[in-house]
N, C-alpha and C. Protein backbone atom coordinates (compact mmCIF):
# COMPACT_ATOMS: atom_id res chain seq x y z
N MET A 1 0.80 -1.21 0.00
CA MET A 1 0.00 0.00 0.00
C MET A 1 0.84 1.27 0.00
N SER A 2 2.16 1.12 0.24
CA SER A 2 3.02 2.31 0.20
C SER A 2 3.12 2.87 -1.21
N ARG A 3 2.69 2.12 -2.21
CA ARG A 3 2.70 2.58 -3.60
C ARG A 3 1.48 3.42 -3.95
N PHE A 4 0.57 3.56 -3.00
CA PHE A 4 -0.62 4.37 -3.22
C PHE A 4 -0.38 5.76 -2.64
N ALA A 5 -0.40 6.79 -3.48
CA ALA A 5 -0.22 8.16 -3.01
C ALA A 5 -1.48 8.63 -2.30
N ALA A 6 -1.29 9.31 -1.19
CA ALA A 6 -2.42 9.79 -0.41
C ALA A 6 -2.14 11.19 0.10
N GLY A 7 -3.20 11.95 0.27
CA GLY A 7 -3.09 13.26 0.89
C GLY A 7 -2.83 13.09 2.38
N VAL A 8 -2.30 14.14 3.00
CA VAL A 8 -1.97 14.10 4.42
C VAL A 8 -2.86 15.08 5.17
N VAL A 9 -3.45 14.61 6.26
CA VAL A 9 -4.33 15.44 7.07
C VAL A 9 -3.89 15.40 8.52
N LEU A 10 -4.33 16.39 9.27
CA LEU A 10 -4.17 16.37 10.71
C LEU A 10 -5.57 16.26 11.31
N ILE A 11 -5.78 15.20 12.07
CA ILE A 11 -7.05 15.00 12.77
C ILE A 11 -6.87 15.57 14.17
N THR A 12 -7.83 16.37 14.63
CA THR A 12 -7.73 16.99 15.94
C THR A 12 -9.04 16.83 16.70
N ALA A 13 -8.93 16.86 18.01
CA ALA A 13 -10.11 16.80 18.88
C ALA A 13 -9.70 17.34 20.25
N ILE A 14 -10.69 17.58 21.06
CA ILE A 14 -10.45 17.98 22.45
C ILE A 14 -10.63 16.75 23.32
N GLU A 15 -9.66 16.51 24.18
CA GLU A 15 -9.75 15.42 25.16
C GLU A 15 -10.21 16.01 26.48
N GLY A 16 -11.27 15.48 27.03
CA GLY A 16 -11.85 16.01 28.25
C GLY A 16 -13.10 16.80 27.93
N ASP A 17 -13.86 17.12 28.96
CA ASP A 17 -15.11 17.85 28.79
C ASP A 17 -14.97 19.24 29.38
N PRO A 18 -14.99 20.28 28.53
CA PRO A 18 -14.82 21.63 29.06
C PRO A 18 -15.93 22.04 30.03
N ASP A 19 -17.07 21.37 29.98
CA ASP A 19 -18.19 21.72 30.84
C ASP A 19 -18.09 21.15 32.24
N ASP A 20 -17.24 20.13 32.45
CA ASP A 20 -17.17 19.51 33.78
C ASP A 20 -16.07 20.10 34.66
N GLY A 21 -15.34 21.08 34.14
CA GLY A 21 -14.32 21.76 34.94
C GLY A 21 -13.00 21.02 35.07
N GLY A 22 -12.91 19.84 34.48
CA GLY A 22 -11.67 19.06 34.53
C GLY A 22 -10.70 19.53 33.48
N PRO A 23 -9.53 18.86 33.40
CA PRO A 23 -8.53 19.25 32.41
C PRO A 23 -9.01 18.96 30.98
N VAL A 24 -8.63 19.86 30.08
CA VAL A 24 -8.96 19.72 28.67
C VAL A 24 -7.66 19.87 27.88
N ASP A 25 -7.43 18.95 26.96
CA ASP A 25 -6.22 18.99 26.14
C ASP A 25 -6.58 18.90 24.67
N ASP A 26 -5.76 19.54 23.83
CA ASP A 26 -5.86 19.35 22.40
C ASP A 26 -5.09 18.09 22.04
N VAL A 27 -5.65 17.30 21.15
CA VAL A 27 -5.00 16.08 20.68
C VAL A 27 -4.97 16.14 19.16
N GLY A 28 -3.85 15.72 18.56
CA GLY A 28 -3.74 15.71 17.11
C GLY A 28 -3.02 14.48 16.62
N MET A 29 -3.33 14.09 15.40
CA MET A 29 -2.71 12.91 14.80
C MET A 29 -2.64 13.08 13.29
N THR A 30 -1.47 12.83 12.72
CA THR A 30 -1.31 12.83 11.28
C THR A 30 -1.91 11.56 10.70
N ALA A 31 -2.61 11.69 9.57
CA ALA A 31 -3.21 10.52 8.93
C ALA A 31 -3.19 10.67 7.42
N THR A 32 -3.14 9.54 6.75
CA THR A 32 -3.31 9.50 5.30
C THR A 32 -4.55 8.70 4.93
N ALA A 33 -5.13 8.00 5.89
CA ALA A 33 -6.33 7.20 5.64
C ALA A 33 -7.56 8.06 5.90
N PHE A 34 -7.85 8.93 4.95
CA PHE A 34 -8.96 9.88 5.02
C PHE A 34 -9.61 9.92 3.65
N MET A 35 -10.93 9.95 3.63
CA MET A 35 -11.59 10.03 2.33
C MET A 35 -13.00 10.60 2.46
N SER A 36 -13.48 11.14 1.36
CA SER A 36 -14.87 11.56 1.26
C SER A 36 -15.71 10.32 1.03
N VAL A 37 -16.85 10.24 1.72
CA VAL A 37 -17.74 9.08 1.60
C VAL A 37 -19.01 9.45 0.85
N SER A 38 -19.55 10.62 1.15
CA SER A 38 -20.85 11.00 0.58
C SER A 38 -20.96 12.51 0.51
N LEU A 39 -21.63 12.99 -0.54
CA LEU A 39 -21.91 14.42 -0.63
C LEU A 39 -23.25 14.77 -0.01
N GLU A 40 -24.19 13.83 -0.03
CA GLU A 40 -25.53 14.08 0.51
C GLU A 40 -25.98 12.88 1.32
N PRO A 41 -25.88 12.92 2.62
CA PRO A 41 -25.32 14.00 3.43
C PRO A 41 -23.79 14.01 3.33
N PRO A 42 -23.17 15.13 3.68
CA PRO A 42 -21.70 15.18 3.60
C PRO A 42 -21.07 14.32 4.69
N LEU A 43 -20.36 13.27 4.26
CA LEU A 43 -19.70 12.35 5.19
C LEU A 43 -18.26 12.13 4.76
N VAL A 44 -17.37 12.01 5.74
CA VAL A 44 -15.98 11.66 5.51
C VAL A 44 -15.63 10.47 6.39
N LEU A 45 -14.50 9.83 6.10
CA LEU A 45 -14.06 8.67 6.86
C LEU A 45 -12.60 8.81 7.24
N ILE A 46 -12.27 8.45 8.48
CA ILE A 46 -10.89 8.32 8.90
C ILE A 46 -10.70 6.91 9.44
N SER A 47 -9.51 6.37 9.23
CA SER A 47 -9.19 5.02 9.68
C SER A 47 -8.03 5.13 10.67
N LEU A 48 -8.26 4.59 11.89
CA LEU A 48 -7.26 4.67 12.95
C LEU A 48 -6.87 3.27 13.41
N ARG A 49 -5.58 3.08 13.68
CA ARG A 49 -5.14 1.82 14.28
C ARG A 49 -5.82 1.65 15.63
N ARG A 50 -6.11 0.43 15.99
CA ARG A 50 -6.78 0.16 17.27
C ARG A 50 -6.01 0.74 18.45
N GLU A 51 -4.68 0.73 18.38
CA GLU A 51 -3.90 1.20 19.52
C GLU A 51 -3.59 2.70 19.46
N ALA A 52 -4.12 3.42 18.50
CA ALA A 52 -3.87 4.86 18.39
C ALA A 52 -4.52 5.61 19.56
N ARG A 53 -3.79 6.56 20.10
CA ARG A 53 -4.33 7.38 21.19
C ARG A 53 -5.58 8.14 20.74
N MET A 54 -5.58 8.59 19.49
CA MET A 54 -6.73 9.34 18.97
C MET A 54 -8.00 8.48 19.02
N ARG A 55 -7.84 7.19 18.85
CA ARG A 55 -9.01 6.30 18.92
C ARG A 55 -9.67 6.39 20.29
N ASP A 56 -8.87 6.38 21.34
CA ASP A 56 -9.43 6.52 22.69
C ASP A 56 -10.16 7.84 22.86
N VAL A 57 -9.60 8.90 22.28
CA VAL A 57 -10.24 10.22 22.37
C VAL A 57 -11.57 10.21 21.62
N LEU A 58 -11.57 9.71 20.39
CA LEU A 58 -12.80 9.74 19.58
C LEU A 58 -13.87 8.78 20.11
N ASP A 59 -13.47 7.80 20.88
CA ASP A 59 -14.48 6.93 21.51
C ASP A 59 -15.26 7.69 22.58
N GLU A 60 -14.67 8.77 23.12
CA GLU A 60 -15.33 9.58 24.15
C GLU A 60 -15.86 10.91 23.61
N GLN A 61 -15.24 11.41 22.54
CA GLN A 61 -15.54 12.74 22.02
C GLN A 61 -16.14 12.61 20.61
N PRO A 62 -17.42 12.94 20.43
CA PRO A 62 -18.03 12.78 19.10
C PRO A 62 -17.66 13.88 18.10
N LEU A 63 -17.13 15.01 18.57
CA LEU A 63 -16.78 16.11 17.68
C LEU A 63 -15.28 16.13 17.42
N TRP A 64 -14.90 16.27 16.16
CA TRP A 64 -13.50 16.28 15.78
C TRP A 64 -13.33 17.10 14.51
N ALA A 65 -12.09 17.34 14.14
CA ALA A 65 -11.81 18.17 12.97
C ALA A 65 -10.70 17.55 12.13
N VAL A 66 -10.66 17.97 10.88
CA VAL A 66 -9.63 17.53 9.94
C VAL A 66 -9.09 18.77 9.23
N SER A 67 -7.77 18.91 9.22
CA SER A 67 -7.10 19.97 8.46
C SER A 67 -6.35 19.30 7.32
N LEU A 68 -6.70 19.65 6.07
CA LEU A 68 -6.02 19.10 4.89
C LEU A 68 -4.74 19.90 4.71
N LEU A 69 -3.60 19.25 4.93
CA LEU A 69 -2.32 19.96 4.97
C LEU A 69 -1.79 20.30 3.59
N SER A 70 -1.14 21.46 3.52
CA SER A 70 -0.51 21.89 2.27
C SER A 70 0.94 21.41 2.27
N GLN A 71 1.57 21.46 1.11
CA GLN A 71 2.94 20.96 1.01
C GLN A 71 3.91 21.75 1.87
N SER A 72 3.56 22.97 2.26
CA SER A 72 4.44 23.75 3.14
C SER A 72 4.28 23.36 4.61
N GLN A 73 3.40 22.40 4.89
CA GLN A 73 3.14 22.00 6.28
C GLN A 73 3.70 20.62 6.62
N ARG A 74 4.76 20.25 5.95
CA ARG A 74 5.42 18.97 6.21
C ARG A 74 5.85 18.86 7.67
N HIS A 75 6.30 19.96 8.26
CA HIS A 75 6.73 19.96 9.67
C HIS A 75 5.58 19.64 10.61
N VAL A 76 4.37 20.09 10.27
CA VAL A 76 3.19 19.78 11.09
C VAL A 76 2.90 18.29 11.01
N ALA A 77 2.92 17.76 9.80
CA ALA A 77 2.66 16.32 9.61
C ALA A 77 3.68 15.49 10.38
N GLY A 78 4.95 15.84 10.27
CA GLY A 78 5.99 15.09 10.95
C GLY A 78 5.86 15.15 12.47
N ARG A 79 5.52 16.30 12.98
CA ARG A 79 5.40 16.46 14.43
C ARG A 79 4.30 15.56 15.00
N PHE A 80 3.16 15.51 14.34
CA PHE A 80 2.03 14.76 14.87
C PHE A 80 2.03 13.30 14.43
N ALA A 81 3.07 12.89 13.73
CA ALA A 81 3.21 11.48 13.33
C ALA A 81 4.13 10.72 14.29
N ILE A 82 4.69 11.40 15.27
CA ILE A 82 5.60 10.76 16.22
C ILE A 82 4.81 9.78 17.09
N PRO A 83 5.16 8.50 17.06
CA PRO A 83 4.40 7.51 17.85
C PRO A 83 4.77 7.57 19.33
N GLY A 84 3.84 7.11 20.16
CA GLY A 84 4.12 6.94 21.58
C GLY A 84 4.17 8.22 22.40
N ARG A 85 3.59 9.30 21.89
CA ARG A 85 3.58 10.55 22.66
C ARG A 85 2.68 10.38 23.88
N ILE A 86 3.09 10.95 24.98
CA ILE A 86 2.28 10.93 26.20
C ILE A 86 1.22 12.02 26.13
N SER A 87 1.63 13.21 25.68
CA SER A 87 0.73 14.35 25.67
C SER A 87 0.99 15.21 24.44
N ASP A 88 -0.06 15.87 23.97
CA ASP A 88 0.06 16.79 22.85
C ASP A 88 0.01 18.25 23.33
N ARG A 89 0.03 18.45 24.63
CA ARG A 89 -0.18 19.78 25.22
C ARG A 89 0.68 20.86 24.56
N LEU A 90 1.96 20.61 24.34
CA LEU A 90 2.85 21.61 23.77
C LEU A 90 3.00 21.51 22.26
N MET A 91 2.43 20.49 21.66
CA MET A 91 2.60 20.26 20.22
C MET A 91 2.01 21.39 19.36
N PHE A 92 0.98 22.04 19.86
CA PHE A 92 0.31 23.09 19.11
C PHE A 92 0.90 24.48 19.37
N ALA A 93 1.83 24.58 20.33
CA ALA A 93 2.29 25.88 20.82
C ALA A 93 2.77 26.82 19.72
N ASP A 94 3.57 26.35 18.78
CA ASP A 94 4.10 27.24 17.75
C ASP A 94 3.50 26.99 16.37
N ILE A 95 2.37 26.31 16.34
CA ILE A 95 1.67 26.07 15.07
C ILE A 95 0.46 27.00 15.02
N PRO A 96 0.39 27.87 14.01
CA PRO A 96 -0.78 28.74 13.92
C PRO A 96 -2.06 27.91 13.80
N HIS A 97 -3.01 28.19 14.67
CA HIS A 97 -4.28 27.47 14.63
C HIS A 97 -5.35 28.32 15.32
N ARG A 98 -6.58 27.91 15.10
CA ARG A 98 -7.71 28.54 15.77
C ARG A 98 -8.65 27.44 16.21
N ARG A 99 -9.55 27.78 17.09
CA ARG A 99 -10.55 26.83 17.57
C ARG A 99 -11.71 26.75 16.59
N GLY A 100 -12.12 25.55 16.27
CA GLY A 100 -13.29 25.38 15.44
C GLY A 100 -14.53 25.81 16.21
N PRO A 101 -15.39 26.62 15.61
CA PRO A 101 -16.57 27.10 16.32
C PRO A 101 -17.58 26.00 16.65
N VAL A 102 -17.54 24.88 15.93
CA VAL A 102 -18.47 23.78 16.17
C VAL A 102 -17.85 22.73 17.08
N SER A 103 -16.64 22.31 16.77
CA SER A 103 -16.00 21.20 17.48
C SER A 103 -15.13 21.65 18.65
N GLY A 104 -14.67 22.89 18.62
CA GLY A 104 -13.70 23.35 19.61
C GLY A 104 -12.30 22.83 19.34
N ALA A 105 -12.14 21.97 18.34
CA ALA A 105 -10.85 21.37 18.02
C ALA A 105 -9.96 22.38 17.30
N ALA A 106 -8.65 22.14 17.37
CA ALA A 106 -7.68 23.00 16.70
C ALA A 106 -7.78 22.83 15.19
N LEU A 107 -7.86 23.94 14.48
CA LEU A 107 -7.87 23.97 13.02
C LEU A 107 -6.57 24.66 12.59
N VAL A 108 -5.77 23.98 11.82
CA VAL A 108 -4.44 24.47 11.47
C VAL A 108 -4.52 25.62 10.47
N GLY A 109 -3.87 26.74 10.80
CA GLY A 109 -3.78 27.87 9.88
C GLY A 109 -2.99 27.48 8.65
N GLY A 110 -3.40 27.96 7.50
CA GLY A 110 -2.69 27.67 6.26
C GLY A 110 -3.06 26.34 5.63
N ALA A 111 -3.96 25.59 6.25
CA ALA A 111 -4.42 24.32 5.66
C ALA A 111 -5.21 24.62 4.39
N LEU A 112 -5.23 23.67 3.47
CA LEU A 112 -6.00 23.85 2.24
C LEU A 112 -7.48 23.95 2.53
N ALA A 113 -7.93 23.16 3.49
CA ALA A 113 -9.33 23.17 3.92
C ALA A 113 -9.38 22.61 5.34
N THR A 114 -10.40 23.00 6.08
CA THR A 114 -10.65 22.42 7.40
C THR A 114 -12.10 21.97 7.45
N LEU A 115 -12.33 20.84 8.11
CA LEU A 115 -13.67 20.30 8.26
C LEU A 115 -13.91 20.02 9.73
N GLU A 116 -15.09 20.34 10.21
CA GLU A 116 -15.49 19.96 11.55
C GLU A 116 -16.57 18.91 11.41
N CYS A 117 -16.44 17.85 12.20
CA CYS A 117 -17.28 16.66 12.02
C CYS A 117 -17.85 16.16 13.33
N ARG A 118 -18.91 15.37 13.20
CA ARG A 118 -19.49 14.63 14.32
C ARG A 118 -19.53 13.17 13.91
N THR A 119 -19.06 12.29 14.78
CA THR A 119 -19.06 10.87 14.47
C THR A 119 -20.49 10.39 14.20
N ASP A 120 -20.66 9.74 13.05
CA ASP A 120 -21.95 9.21 12.63
C ASP A 120 -21.99 7.69 12.78
N GLN A 121 -20.86 7.03 12.45
CA GLN A 121 -20.76 5.57 12.55
C GLN A 121 -19.34 5.20 12.94
N VAL A 122 -19.22 4.09 13.65
CA VAL A 122 -17.93 3.52 13.99
C VAL A 122 -17.97 2.07 13.53
N VAL A 123 -16.97 1.68 12.72
CA VAL A 123 -16.94 0.35 12.13
C VAL A 123 -15.61 -0.31 12.46
N GLU A 124 -15.65 -1.52 13.01
CA GLU A 124 -14.42 -2.26 13.25
C GLU A 124 -14.01 -2.93 11.94
N ALA A 125 -12.72 -2.80 11.61
CA ALA A 125 -12.20 -3.35 10.35
C ALA A 125 -10.79 -3.87 10.57
N GLY A 126 -10.68 -5.15 10.91
CA GLY A 126 -9.36 -5.74 11.14
C GLY A 126 -8.66 -5.06 12.29
N ASP A 127 -7.41 -4.58 12.05
CA ASP A 127 -6.66 -3.93 13.12
C ASP A 127 -6.90 -2.41 13.16
N HIS A 128 -7.93 -1.95 12.47
CA HIS A 128 -8.28 -0.54 12.46
C HIS A 128 -9.73 -0.33 12.87
N ILE A 129 -10.04 0.91 13.24
CA ILE A 129 -11.40 1.35 13.50
C ILE A 129 -11.69 2.48 12.53
N LEU A 130 -12.83 2.40 11.84
CA LEU A 130 -13.23 3.43 10.88
C LEU A 130 -14.24 4.35 11.54
N TYR A 131 -13.99 5.63 11.46
CA TYR A 131 -14.91 6.64 11.97
C TYR A 131 -15.49 7.39 10.78
N VAL A 132 -16.79 7.26 10.60
CA VAL A 132 -17.49 8.01 9.57
C VAL A 132 -18.05 9.24 10.26
N GLY A 133 -17.71 10.41 9.74
CA GLY A 133 -18.13 11.65 10.36
C GLY A 133 -19.02 12.47 9.45
N GLU A 134 -20.08 13.02 10.02
CA GLU A 134 -20.91 13.98 9.30
C GLU A 134 -20.19 15.32 9.32
N VAL A 135 -20.01 15.91 8.16
CA VAL A 135 -19.33 17.20 8.07
C VAL A 135 -20.32 18.29 8.47
N LEU A 136 -19.97 19.04 9.51
CA LEU A 136 -20.84 20.09 10.04
C LEU A 136 -20.45 21.48 9.56
N ARG A 137 -19.16 21.64 9.24
CA ARG A 137 -18.67 22.96 8.81
C ARG A 137 -17.40 22.77 7.99
N VAL A 138 -17.24 23.60 6.96
CA VAL A 138 -16.05 23.57 6.10
C VAL A 138 -15.54 24.99 5.94
N ASP A 139 -14.23 25.15 6.01
CA ASP A 139 -13.59 26.43 5.70
C ASP A 139 -12.44 26.17 4.75
N LEU A 140 -12.09 27.19 3.97
CA LEU A 140 -10.98 27.08 3.01
C LEU A 140 -9.95 28.16 3.30
N PRO A 141 -9.10 27.94 4.33
CA PRO A 141 -8.12 28.96 4.70
C PRO A 141 -7.12 29.28 3.58
N SER A 142 -6.64 28.28 2.86
CA SER A 142 -5.64 28.46 1.80
C SER A 142 -5.99 27.58 0.60
N PRO A 143 -7.08 27.90 -0.10
CA PRO A 143 -7.57 27.00 -1.14
C PRO A 143 -6.68 26.92 -2.37
N GLU A 144 -5.74 27.84 -2.55
CA GLU A 144 -4.91 27.85 -3.75
C GLU A 144 -3.62 27.06 -3.60
N GLY A 145 -3.33 26.60 -2.40
CA GLY A 145 -2.08 25.88 -2.16
C GLY A 145 -2.10 24.49 -2.78
N LEU A 146 -0.96 23.83 -2.73
CA LEU A 146 -0.83 22.46 -3.22
C LEU A 146 -0.83 21.51 -2.04
N PRO A 147 -1.36 20.29 -2.21
CA PRO A 147 -1.47 19.36 -1.09
C PRO A 147 -0.14 18.69 -0.74
N LEU A 148 -0.02 18.34 0.53
CA LEU A 148 1.07 17.48 0.98
C LEU A 148 0.63 16.05 0.70
N ALA A 149 1.52 15.28 0.10
CA ALA A 149 1.20 13.89 -0.24
C ALA A 149 2.16 12.95 0.48
N HIS A 150 1.74 11.69 0.60
CA HIS A 150 2.56 10.64 1.20
C HIS A 150 2.65 9.50 0.20
N PHE A 151 3.89 9.11 -0.13
CA PHE A 151 4.09 8.05 -1.12
C PHE A 151 5.38 7.31 -0.79
N ARG A 152 5.33 6.00 -0.76
CA ARG A 152 6.49 5.14 -0.47
C ARG A 152 7.19 5.54 0.82
N GLY A 153 6.37 5.82 1.85
CA GLY A 153 6.91 6.08 3.17
C GLY A 153 7.48 7.46 3.41
N ARG A 154 7.29 8.39 2.45
CA ARG A 154 7.83 9.74 2.60
C ARG A 154 6.80 10.78 2.22
N TYR A 155 6.94 11.97 2.82
CA TYR A 155 6.10 13.09 2.41
C TYR A 155 6.63 13.60 1.08
N ARG A 156 5.71 13.96 0.19
CA ARG A 156 6.07 14.43 -1.15
C ARG A 156 5.30 15.71 -1.47
N SER A 157 5.85 16.47 -2.39
CA SER A 157 5.18 17.66 -2.90
C SER A 157 4.74 17.39 -4.32
N LEU A 158 3.62 17.95 -4.68
CA LEU A 158 3.13 17.86 -6.07
C LEU A 158 3.53 19.13 -6.81
N GLY A 159 3.89 18.96 -8.05
CA GLY A 159 4.19 20.13 -8.89
C GLY A 159 5.55 20.70 -8.69
């Protein structure tokens, strides 16, 4: 499957409940297993390894976001692809981002597009879990940029 070129996204969510007064953290994960599922209703899909920390977050948090990364955001992709992180608390510190008005999740500045989603279905598939999300909001911060791609185990630029 490394021969299949894929776009690179950053999936983000809030861990914890801001309404209960407990700690709240931003969580992010680089992914290439992302796709559009349906236009009516608007649905997207992300595929996460069973042992991914983001999976634990999305099992508790139905709202999440996706930032479609541009080729100039290779550093963002690399940072959030580091396995075995304990916390993402400082990972967002020097990355321009804003809070999604629907999800509260971090939306990366300069992304080609950002989507805010609510989990619609969860499907077990081998060693992965598929999250189908209803798209609640879309923004196009940098629609003219070129996408960051992943091919044969490396980030690539198009054009």
